[in-house]
Amino acid sequence: MSQRDGFGSGFLLGALIGGTVGGIVGALAAGRRSPLNSSEEFAGQEPTEESIEGARRSLESKIAQLNLAIDDVREQLGSVNGSSPEP
């Protein structure tokens, strides 16, 4: 029974110390972080047709890249599992 009590108190102490250290490190890291694409950059600006079209094209390109990557992984997993790839 004494081992169980020692474990519980050690676990609690570790959780408190870990939470404190994690909180301090997180606060320091958040203070040094600079936002790259924050909405504050565009505050008060209306999106233009060009910016909307550029964003749409960029998203379509990323989706196409993701679809190709998914197909590639699906083929690789199909050959690993021994099943034939879908036509």
N, C-alpha and C. Protein backbone atom coordinates (compact mmCIF):
# COMPACT_ATOMS: atom_id res chain seq x y z
N MET A 1 0.82 -1.19 0.00
CA MET A 1 0.00 0.00 0.00
C MET A 1 0.86 1.25 0.00
N SER A 2 2.05 1.19 0.61
CA SER A 2 2.90 2.37 0.66
C SER A 2 3.45 2.72 -0.72
N GLN A 3 3.64 1.71 -1.58
CA GLN A 3 4.09 2.01 -2.94
C GLN A 3 3.03 2.77 -3.71
N ARG A 4 1.78 2.39 -3.52
CA ARG A 4 0.70 3.07 -4.21
C ARG A 4 0.59 4.53 -3.74
N ASP A 5 0.75 4.77 -2.45
CA ASP A 5 0.72 6.13 -1.93
C ASP A 5 1.90 6.94 -2.47
N GLY A 6 3.07 6.33 -2.55
CA GLY A 6 4.24 7.02 -3.08
C GLY A 6 4.06 7.36 -4.55
N PHE A 7 3.43 6.48 -5.28
CA PHE A 7 3.19 6.72 -6.70
C PHE A 7 2.22 7.88 -6.88
N GLY A 8 1.17 7.89 -6.13
CA GLY A 8 0.17 8.95 -6.25
C GLY A 8 0.74 10.32 -5.93
N SER A 9 1.50 10.42 -4.86
CA SER A 9 2.07 11.72 -4.50
C SER A 9 3.15 12.13 -5.50
N GLY A 10 3.94 11.18 -5.99
CA GLY A 10 4.95 11.49 -7.00
C GLY A 10 4.32 11.93 -8.30
N PHE A 11 3.23 11.28 -8.68
CA PHE A 11 2.52 11.64 -9.90
C PHE A 11 1.95 13.05 -9.78
N LEU A 12 1.36 13.35 -8.65
CA LEU A 12 0.78 14.68 -8.43
C LEU A 12 1.86 15.76 -8.45
N LEU A 13 2.98 15.49 -7.81
CA LEU A 13 4.08 16.46 -7.79
C LEU A 13 4.63 16.66 -9.21
N GLY A 14 4.79 15.58 -9.96
CA GLY A 14 5.28 15.68 -11.33
C GLY A 14 4.32 16.44 -12.23
N ALA A 15 3.03 16.22 -12.03
CA ALA A 15 2.03 16.93 -12.84
C ALA A 15 2.05 18.42 -12.53
N LEU A 16 2.20 18.77 -11.27
CA LEU A 16 2.25 20.19 -10.90
C LEU A 16 3.51 20.87 -11.44
N ILE A 17 4.65 20.22 -11.30
CA ILE A 17 5.90 20.80 -11.79
C ILE A 17 5.87 20.87 -13.32
N GLY A 18 5.42 19.81 -13.96
CA GLY A 18 5.35 19.80 -15.42
C GLY A 18 4.40 20.84 -15.96
N GLY A 19 3.27 21.02 -15.30
CA GLY A 19 2.32 22.04 -15.72
C GLY A 19 2.88 23.44 -15.56
N THR A 20 3.59 23.67 -14.49
CA THR A 20 4.19 24.98 -14.25
C THR A 20 5.27 25.28 -15.28
N VAL A 21 6.17 24.32 -15.49
CA VAL A 21 7.25 24.52 -16.47
C VAL A 21 6.66 24.68 -17.87
N GLY A 22 5.68 23.85 -18.23
CA GLY A 22 5.04 23.95 -19.54
C GLY A 22 4.35 25.29 -19.73
N GLY A 23 3.71 25.79 -18.70
CA GLY A 23 3.06 27.09 -18.79
C GLY A 23 4.04 28.22 -18.99
N ILE A 24 5.15 28.15 -18.29
CA ILE A 24 6.18 29.20 -18.44
C ILE A 24 6.79 29.16 -19.83
N VAL A 25 7.14 27.97 -20.30
CA VAL A 25 7.73 27.84 -21.64
C VAL A 25 6.72 28.28 -22.70
N GLY A 26 5.46 27.92 -22.55
CA GLY A 26 4.44 28.33 -23.50
C GLY A 26 4.25 29.84 -23.53
N ALA A 27 4.27 30.45 -22.37
CA ALA A 27 4.13 31.91 -22.31
C ALA A 27 5.32 32.60 -22.96
N LEU A 28 6.52 32.08 -22.74
CA LEU A 28 7.70 32.67 -23.37
C LEU A 28 7.67 32.49 -24.88
N ALA A 29 7.28 31.32 -25.33
CA ALA A 29 7.23 31.05 -26.78
C ALA A 29 6.15 31.90 -27.45
N ALA A 30 5.02 32.09 -26.80
CA ALA A 30 3.95 32.89 -27.38
C ALA A 30 4.35 34.36 -27.46
N GLY A 31 5.14 34.82 -26.53
CA GLY A 31 5.59 36.20 -26.54
C GLY A 31 6.56 36.48 -27.67
N ARG A 32 7.33 35.49 -28.08
CA ARG A 32 8.31 35.67 -29.14
C ARG A 32 7.75 35.41 -30.52
N ARG A 33 6.62 34.80 -30.61
CA ARG A 33 6.04 34.40 -31.89
C ARG A 33 5.49 35.62 -32.62
N SER A 34 5.79 35.70 -33.90
CA SER A 34 5.23 36.78 -34.70
C SER A 34 4.23 36.19 -35.68
N PRO A 35 3.03 36.73 -35.77
CA PRO A 35 2.03 36.19 -36.67
C PRO A 35 2.42 36.41 -38.12
N LEU A 36 2.34 35.37 -38.94
CA LEU A 36 2.71 35.47 -40.34
C LEU A 36 1.55 35.94 -41.19
N ASN A 37 0.43 35.31 -41.04
CA ASN A 37 -0.73 35.64 -41.86
C ASN A 37 -1.90 35.99 -40.96
N SER A 38 -1.75 37.01 -40.17
CA SER A 38 -2.84 37.34 -39.27
C SER A 38 -3.87 38.19 -39.98
N SER A 39 -5.06 38.13 -39.49
CA SER A 39 -6.13 38.92 -40.08
C SER A 39 -5.97 40.40 -39.75
N GLU A 40 -5.10 40.71 -38.79
CA GLU A 40 -4.86 42.11 -38.44
C GLU A 40 -4.20 42.86 -39.59
N GLU A 41 -3.45 42.15 -40.45
CA GLU A 41 -2.79 42.79 -41.58
C GLU A 41 -3.83 43.41 -42.51
N PHE A 42 -4.96 42.76 -42.65
CA PHE A 42 -5.97 43.17 -43.60
C PHE A 42 -7.16 43.85 -42.94
N ALA A 43 -7.00 44.27 -41.70
CA ALA A 43 -8.10 44.90 -40.99
C ALA A 43 -8.49 46.19 -41.71
N GLY A 44 -9.76 46.35 -41.98
CA GLY A 44 -10.25 47.53 -42.63
C GLY A 44 -10.13 47.52 -44.14
N GLN A 45 -9.59 46.44 -44.71
CA GLN A 45 -9.45 46.35 -46.16
C GLN A 45 -10.46 45.37 -46.70
N GLU A 46 -11.10 45.74 -47.77
CA GLU A 46 -12.04 44.85 -48.44
C GLU A 46 -11.27 43.99 -49.43
N PRO A 47 -11.59 42.69 -49.51
CA PRO A 47 -10.90 41.84 -50.50
C PRO A 47 -11.31 42.26 -51.91
N THR A 48 -10.34 42.24 -52.80
CA THR A 48 -10.61 42.59 -54.19
C THR A 48 -10.88 41.33 -54.98
N GLU A 49 -11.41 41.50 -56.18
CA GLU A 49 -11.66 40.35 -57.05
C GLU A 49 -10.38 39.60 -57.35
N GLU A 50 -9.29 40.36 -57.54
CA GLU A 50 -8.00 39.73 -57.85
C GLU A 50 -7.50 38.89 -56.68
N SER A 51 -7.65 39.41 -55.47
CA SER A 51 -7.15 38.66 -54.32
C SER A 51 -8.00 37.41 -54.07
N ILE A 52 -9.29 37.53 -54.30
CA ILE A 52 -10.17 36.37 -54.14
C ILE A 52 -9.85 35.31 -55.19
N GLU A 53 -9.66 35.74 -56.43
CA GLU A 53 -9.34 34.80 -57.50
C GLU A 53 -7.98 34.15 -57.26
N GLY A 54 -7.01 34.92 -56.80
CA GLY A 54 -5.69 34.36 -56.49
C GLY A 54 -5.76 33.34 -55.37
N ALA A 55 -6.55 33.63 -54.35
CA ALA A 55 -6.71 32.68 -53.25
C ALA A 55 -7.40 31.41 -53.72
N ARG A 56 -8.40 31.56 -54.59
CA ARG A 56 -9.11 30.39 -55.11
C ARG A 56 -8.17 29.50 -55.93
N ARG A 57 -7.37 30.12 -56.79
CA ARG A 57 -6.42 29.34 -57.61
C ARG A 57 -5.39 28.64 -56.74
N SER A 58 -4.92 29.34 -55.72
CA SER A 58 -3.94 28.75 -54.81
C SER A 58 -4.54 27.54 -54.09
N LEU A 59 -5.77 27.68 -53.63
CA LEU A 59 -6.43 26.56 -52.95
C LEU A 59 -6.67 25.39 -53.90
N GLU A 60 -7.07 25.67 -55.13
CA GLU A 60 -7.27 24.60 -56.10
C GLU A 60 -5.98 23.86 -56.37
N SER A 61 -4.88 24.59 -56.45
CA SER A 61 -3.58 23.97 -56.68
C SER A 61 -3.19 23.08 -55.51
N LYS A 62 -3.40 23.55 -54.30
CA LYS A 62 -3.09 22.75 -53.10
C LYS A 62 -3.96 21.50 -53.04
N ILE A 63 -5.22 21.62 -53.38
CA ILE A 63 -6.13 20.46 -53.37
C ILE A 63 -5.67 19.44 -54.40
N ALA A 64 -5.25 19.89 -55.58
CA ALA A 64 -4.76 18.98 -56.60
C ALA A 64 -3.51 18.26 -56.13
N GLN A 65 -2.61 18.98 -55.46
CA GLN A 65 -1.40 18.35 -54.93
C GLN A 65 -1.75 17.31 -53.87
N LEU A 66 -2.69 17.63 -53.00
CA LEU A 66 -3.11 16.68 -51.97
C LEU A 66 -3.74 15.45 -52.58
N ASN A 67 -4.56 15.63 -53.61
CA ASN A 67 -5.18 14.48 -54.27
C ASN A 67 -4.14 13.57 -54.89
N LEU A 68 -3.11 14.15 -55.51
CA LEU A 68 -2.04 13.34 -56.09
C LEU A 68 -1.29 12.58 -55.00
N ALA A 69 -1.02 13.24 -53.89
CA ALA A 69 -0.32 12.58 -52.79
C ALA A 69 -1.16 11.46 -52.21
N ILE A 70 -2.45 11.66 -52.09
CA ILE A 70 -3.35 10.62 -51.58
C ILE A 70 -3.37 9.43 -52.52
N ASP A 71 -3.44 9.69 -53.82
CA ASP A 71 -3.43 8.60 -54.79
C ASP A 71 -2.13 7.82 -54.73
N ASP A 72 -1.01 8.53 -54.57
CA ASP A 72 0.30 7.87 -54.49
C ASP A 72 0.37 6.98 -53.25
N VAL A 73 -0.07 7.48 -52.13
CA VAL A 73 -0.04 6.68 -50.89
C VAL A 73 -0.98 5.49 -51.01
N ARG A 74 -2.14 5.69 -51.62
CA ARG A 74 -3.09 4.60 -51.81
C ARG A 74 -2.47 3.48 -52.65
N GLU A 75 -1.74 3.85 -53.70
CA GLU A 75 -1.06 2.85 -54.53
C GLU A 75 0.01 2.12 -53.74
N GLN A 76 0.80 2.86 -52.97
CA GLN A 76 1.85 2.25 -52.17
C GLN A 76 1.27 1.30 -51.13
N LEU A 77 0.21 1.69 -50.47
CA LEU A 77 -0.41 0.83 -49.47
C LEU A 77 -1.06 -0.38 -50.12
N GLY A 78 -1.60 -0.21 -51.31
CA GLY A 78 -2.19 -1.34 -52.01
C GLY A 78 -1.17 -2.39 -52.34
N SER A 79 0.04 -1.98 -52.75
CA SER A 79 1.08 -2.96 -53.07
C SER A 79 1.64 -3.58 -51.80
N VAL A 80 1.64 -2.86 -50.70
CA VAL A 80 2.13 -3.41 -49.43
C VAL A 80 1.15 -4.45 -48.90
N ASN A 81 -0.13 -4.16 -49.00
CA ASN A 81 -1.15 -5.07 -48.48
C ASN A 81 -1.38 -6.26 -49.40
N GLY A 82 -0.81 -6.25 -50.58
CA GLY A 82 -0.97 -7.37 -51.48
C GLY A 82 -2.20 -7.31 -52.35
N SER A 83 -2.95 -6.28 -52.24
CA SER A 83 -4.14 -6.15 -53.08
C SER A 83 -3.76 -5.37 -54.33
N SER A 84 -4.51 -5.61 -55.38
CA SER A 84 -4.23 -4.89 -56.61
C SER A 84 -4.84 -3.51 -56.54
N PRO A 85 -4.16 -2.52 -57.13
CA PRO A 85 -4.73 -1.16 -57.11
C PRO A 85 -6.01 -1.09 -57.93
N GLU A 86 -6.86 -0.15 -57.53
CA GLU A 86 -8.13 0.02 -58.23
C GLU A 86 -7.88 0.60 -59.62
N PRO A 87 -8.69 0.23 -60.61
CA PRO A 87 -8.50 0.76 -61.96
C PRO A 87 -8.87 2.21 -62.06
